[in-house]
Amino acid sequence: MNKKILFLFVFFIFSIYLVSAIEECRGTITQEEVPCLVLLPVNTTIIDCTTLSTSFFNNASTLLYTQDMGTFNSFLCNATFNQSALGTYTFSYSTGDSGSIIVVVSNLNFFNLTVYLVLTAGAFIFMVFMHLLGKDTGSKMVYGWMATALNVIIGAIVLAPNFQVITGIDFFIDVDVLLAGLHFVLAFYTAIASINFKRSLKPEETESVSYSG
């Protein structure tokens, strides 16, 4: 019987730790981890969490908002941190305790940037081949269309709602929109170049390209 009670007690403590580890704001978090909870150790059987509050400040020490705390469990009160912009934030409990949270770029953005750079490198390689193949007009045309297709694909991917290449940069226009526009312009250029290459093909070259396709 005593072993069973001990097991239940250990399980209860472990459960509290597990829930806290999942939902608590760590010192450094990514944008995908927002919102998260800041937790204050309190004996809630003695102190009502709703009588406590948490104030959140930005890097310039400007008050963002103040929130009444809620009951997380018998030993913790919680407040919600909901700022996803990159930077350092501080928070202060009405008890006098304080802490800080740093929001950083997520690993997903690094993955997106890698995908973007690889595809862009491929598009520029096709464009280089389009210009450096001498008198082989047929191959120039093929590489031109490949560059066109890849630039259109890149532009569409960059504009996808959940795909961000660059974050945390203030500009007169969204950087991802600017990158997508650049690739659409390149696609238009390579498409026009490919059409001109096709028009300049001799009849025998046209037959050769059609046969190889």
Protein backbone atom coordinates (compact mmCIF):
# COMPACT_ATOMS: atom_id res chain seq x y z
CA MET A 1 0.00 0.00 0.00
CA ASN A 2 2.84 2.38 0.94
CA LYS A 3 4.62 1.59 -2.34
CA LYS A 4 1.46 2.42 -4.28
CA ILE A 5 1.10 5.77 -2.51
CA LEU A 6 4.79 6.53 -3.16
CA PHE A 7 4.37 5.66 -6.84
CA LEU A 8 1.34 7.93 -7.18
CA PHE A 9 3.18 10.77 -5.45
CA VAL A 10 6.21 10.43 -7.75
CA PHE A 11 3.92 10.23 -10.79
CA PHE A 12 2.08 13.39 -9.67
CA ILE A 13 5.34 15.33 -9.22
CA PHE A 14 6.61 14.11 -12.60
CA SER A 15 3.34 15.14 -14.25
CA ILE A 16 3.66 18.64 -12.82
CA TYR A 17 7.21 18.89 -14.16
CA LEU A 18 6.21 17.55 -17.57
CA VAL A 19 3.33 19.98 -18.00
CA SER A 20 5.51 22.86 -16.86
CA ALA A 21 8.31 21.87 -19.26
CA ILE A 22 5.90 21.77 -22.18
CA GLU A 23 4.11 25.05 -21.55
CA GLU A 24 6.60 27.27 -19.74
CA CYS A 25 8.46 30.03 -21.60
CA ARG A 26 12.14 29.19 -21.66
CA GLY A 27 14.75 31.96 -21.51
CA THR A 28 15.22 31.85 -25.29
CA ILE A 29 12.30 30.85 -27.50
CA THR A 30 11.47 30.84 -31.20
CA GLN A 31 8.53 32.62 -32.79
CA GLU A 32 6.67 29.32 -33.18
CA GLU A 33 6.75 28.83 -29.40
CA VAL A 34 4.66 31.97 -28.82
CA PRO A 35 2.33 32.18 -26.94
CA CYS A 36 3.82 30.51 -23.89
CA LEU A 37 3.39 30.75 -20.13
CA VAL A 38 5.50 32.44 -17.49
CA LEU A 39 5.10 30.57 -14.21
CA LEU A 40 5.42 31.89 -10.67
CA PRO A 41 5.87 29.41 -7.77
CA VAL A 42 3.04 30.11 -5.33
CA ASN A 43 1.16 28.06 -2.76
CA THR A 44 -2.27 28.57 -4.30
CA THR A 45 -4.01 27.15 -1.22
CA ILE A 46 -2.86 30.28 0.62
CA ILE A 47 -2.56 32.92 -2.13
CA ASP A 48 -5.18 33.43 -4.84
CA CYS A 49 -3.41 33.71 -8.22
CA THR A 50 -5.95 36.27 -9.44
CA THR A 51 -4.66 38.73 -6.84
CA LEU A 52 -1.27 38.71 -8.61
CA SER A 53 -0.34 40.28 -11.94
CA THR A 54 2.49 40.23 -14.48
CA SER A 55 3.72 43.21 -16.51
CA PHE A 56 5.56 42.69 -19.81
CA PHE A 57 8.05 45.19 -21.25
CA ASN A 58 9.91 45.45 -24.57
CA ASN A 59 13.63 46.03 -25.06
CA ALA A 60 13.14 49.79 -24.56
CA SER A 61 11.52 49.14 -21.15
CA THR A 62 8.15 50.28 -22.52
CA LEU A 63 5.18 48.61 -20.86
CA LEU A 64 3.39 46.39 -23.37
CA TYR A 65 0.60 45.04 -21.19
CA THR A 66 -0.27 43.88 -17.68
CA GLN A 67 -2.16 40.66 -17.09
CA ASP A 68 -3.85 39.17 -14.02
CA MET A 69 -2.41 35.75 -13.29
CA GLY A 70 -4.31 32.48 -13.42
CA THR A 71 -3.93 29.19 -11.57
CA PHE A 72 -1.68 26.72 -13.38
CA ASN A 73 -1.73 24.07 -10.64
CA SER A 74 -1.54 23.87 -6.84
CA PHE A 75 1.99 25.26 -6.80
CA LEU A 76 2.15 27.65 -9.77
CA CYS A 77 0.42 30.77 -11.08
CA ASN A 78 0.69 31.63 -14.77
CA ALA A 79 0.47 34.54 -17.20
CA THR A 80 0.62 34.42 -21.00
CA PHE A 81 3.46 35.90 -23.05
CA ASN A 82 2.21 36.65 -26.58
CA GLN A 83 4.84 38.81 -28.30
CA SER A 84 6.30 37.16 -31.43
CA ALA A 85 8.47 40.00 -32.76
CA LEU A 86 12.19 39.31 -32.51
CA GLY A 87 13.92 40.86 -29.51
CA THR A 88 14.41 40.78 -25.75
CA TYR A 89 11.48 41.20 -23.37
CA THR A 90 11.34 41.51 -19.60
CA PHE A 91 8.49 40.70 -17.27
CA SER A 92 7.82 41.65 -13.67
CA TYR A 93 5.49 39.96 -11.20
CA SER A 94 3.57 42.03 -8.68
CA THR A 95 5.49 40.08 -6.01
CA GLY A 96 8.68 41.85 -7.13
CA ASP A 97 10.22 38.90 -8.99
CA SER A 98 11.24 39.42 -12.61
CA GLY A 99 12.72 37.64 -15.62
CA SER A 100 13.45 37.98 -19.32
CA ILE A 101 12.51 36.25 -22.57
CA ILE A 102 14.45 36.40 -25.85
CA VAL A 103 12.53 35.70 -29.06
CA VAL A 104 14.82 34.48 -31.88
CA VAL A 105 14.44 33.31 -35.47
CA SER A 106 13.19 29.75 -35.63
CA ASN A 107 15.09 26.85 -37.19
CA LEU A 108 12.33 26.72 -39.78
CA ASN A 109 13.53 30.06 -41.18
CA PHE A 110 17.05 28.67 -41.58
CA PHE A 111 15.59 25.68 -43.42
CA ASN A 112 13.53 27.98 -45.64
CA LEU A 113 16.59 30.11 -46.37
CA THR A 114 18.59 27.01 -47.33
CA VAL A 115 15.84 25.83 -49.70
CA TYR A 116 15.63 29.29 -51.24
CA LEU A 117 19.41 29.56 -51.78
CA VAL A 118 19.65 26.08 -53.36
CA LEU A 119 16.78 26.75 -55.79
CA THR A 120 18.11 30.22 -56.61
CA ALA A 121 21.57 28.80 -57.30
CA GLY A 122 19.97 26.30 -59.69
CA ALA A 123 18.07 29.07 -61.49
CA PHE A 124 21.22 31.15 -61.95
CA ILE A 125 23.17 28.12 -63.21
CA PHE A 126 20.53 27.60 -65.90
CA MET A 127 20.74 31.30 -66.78
CA VAL A 128 24.54 31.10 -67.07
CA PHE A 129 24.28 28.06 -69.34
CA MET A 130 21.68 29.94 -71.39
CA HIS A 131 24.26 32.64 -72.18
CA LEU A 132 27.51 30.64 -72.39
CA LEU A 133 26.70 27.87 -74.85
CA GLY A 134 28.06 29.72 -77.87
CA LYS A 135 26.16 28.95 -81.07
CA ASP A 136 24.15 26.05 -79.62
CA THR A 137 20.89 27.97 -79.82
CA GLY A 138 18.73 24.93 -79.14
CA SER A 139 20.42 24.20 -75.80
CA LYS A 140 20.25 27.89 -74.89
CA MET A 141 16.50 27.78 -75.42
CA VAL A 142 16.11 24.65 -73.27
CA TYR A 143 18.14 26.12 -70.39
CA GLY A 144 16.21 29.36 -70.74
CA TRP A 145 12.87 27.59 -70.27
CA MET A 146 14.29 25.62 -67.33
CA ALA A 147 15.42 28.88 -65.70
CA THR A 148 11.97 30.36 -66.38
CA ALA A 149 10.16 27.45 -64.75
CA LEU A 150 12.47 27.42 -61.73
CA ASN A 151 12.18 31.18 -61.17
CA VAL A 152 8.37 30.96 -61.29
CA ILE A 153 8.45 28.07 -58.80
CA ILE A 154 10.75 30.02 -56.46
CA GLY A 155 8.52 33.08 -56.63
CA ALA A 156 5.43 31.01 -55.82
CA ILE A 157 7.17 29.26 -52.91
CA VAL A 158 8.40 32.54 -51.41
CA LEU A 159 4.86 33.95 -51.53
CA ALA A 160 3.40 30.90 -49.75
CA PRO A 161 1.79 31.97 -46.43
CA ASN A 162 3.88 29.67 -44.22
CA PHE A 163 7.19 30.13 -46.06
CA GLN A 164 9.31 33.04 -44.82
CA VAL A 165 12.84 33.44 -46.18
CA ILE A 166 13.88 36.52 -44.22
CA THR A 167 12.38 37.83 -40.98
CA GLY A 168 13.19 40.63 -38.59
CA ILE A 169 14.15 43.19 -41.27
CA ASP A 170 12.19 46.43 -41.57
CA PHE A 171 11.92 47.67 -45.17
CA PHE A 172 9.55 49.79 -47.22
CA ILE A 173 8.13 46.56 -48.65
CA ASP A 174 7.98 42.98 -47.36
CA VAL A 175 11.34 41.39 -48.19
CA ASP A 176 9.75 38.11 -49.30
CA VAL A 177 7.44 39.98 -51.70
CA LEU A 178 10.49 41.80 -53.07
CA LEU A 179 12.35 38.51 -53.61
CA ALA A 180 9.32 36.92 -55.29
CA GLY A 181 8.98 39.94 -57.59
CA LEU A 182 12.65 39.67 -58.53
CA HIS A 183 12.24 36.02 -59.52
CA PHE A 184 9.11 36.74 -61.56
CA VAL A 185 11.05 39.47 -63.42
CA LEU A 186 13.89 37.00 -64.07
CA ALA A 187 11.34 34.44 -65.27
CA PHE A 188 9.90 37.00 -67.70
CA TYR A 189 13.40 37.82 -68.96
CA THR A 190 14.42 34.19 -69.53
CA ALA A 191 11.06 33.42 -71.17
CA ILE A 192 11.52 36.28 -73.67
CA ALA A 193 15.11 35.16 -74.29
CA SER A 194 13.97 31.57 -74.91
CA ILE A 195 11.30 32.75 -77.36
CA ASN A 196 13.93 34.76 -79.25
CA PHE A 197 16.26 31.75 -79.29
CA LYS A 198 13.46 29.65 -80.78
CA ARG A 199 12.78 32.25 -83.47
CA SER A 200 16.47 32.31 -84.42
CA LEU A 201 16.69 28.52 -84.82
CA LYS A 202 17.34 27.20 -88.29
CA PRO A 203 14.84 24.61 -89.57
CA GLU A 204 17.25 21.72 -89.06
CA GLU A 205 17.98 22.86 -85.47
CA THR A 206 14.25 23.03 -84.72
CA GLU A 207 13.78 19.44 -85.88
CA SER A 208 16.77 18.35 -83.78
CA VAL A 209 15.41 20.00 -80.62
CA SER A 210 11.93 18.53 -81.19
CA TYR A 211 13.37 15.07 -81.72
CA SER A 212 15.57 15.26 -78.61
CA GLY A 213 12.53 16.35 -76.55
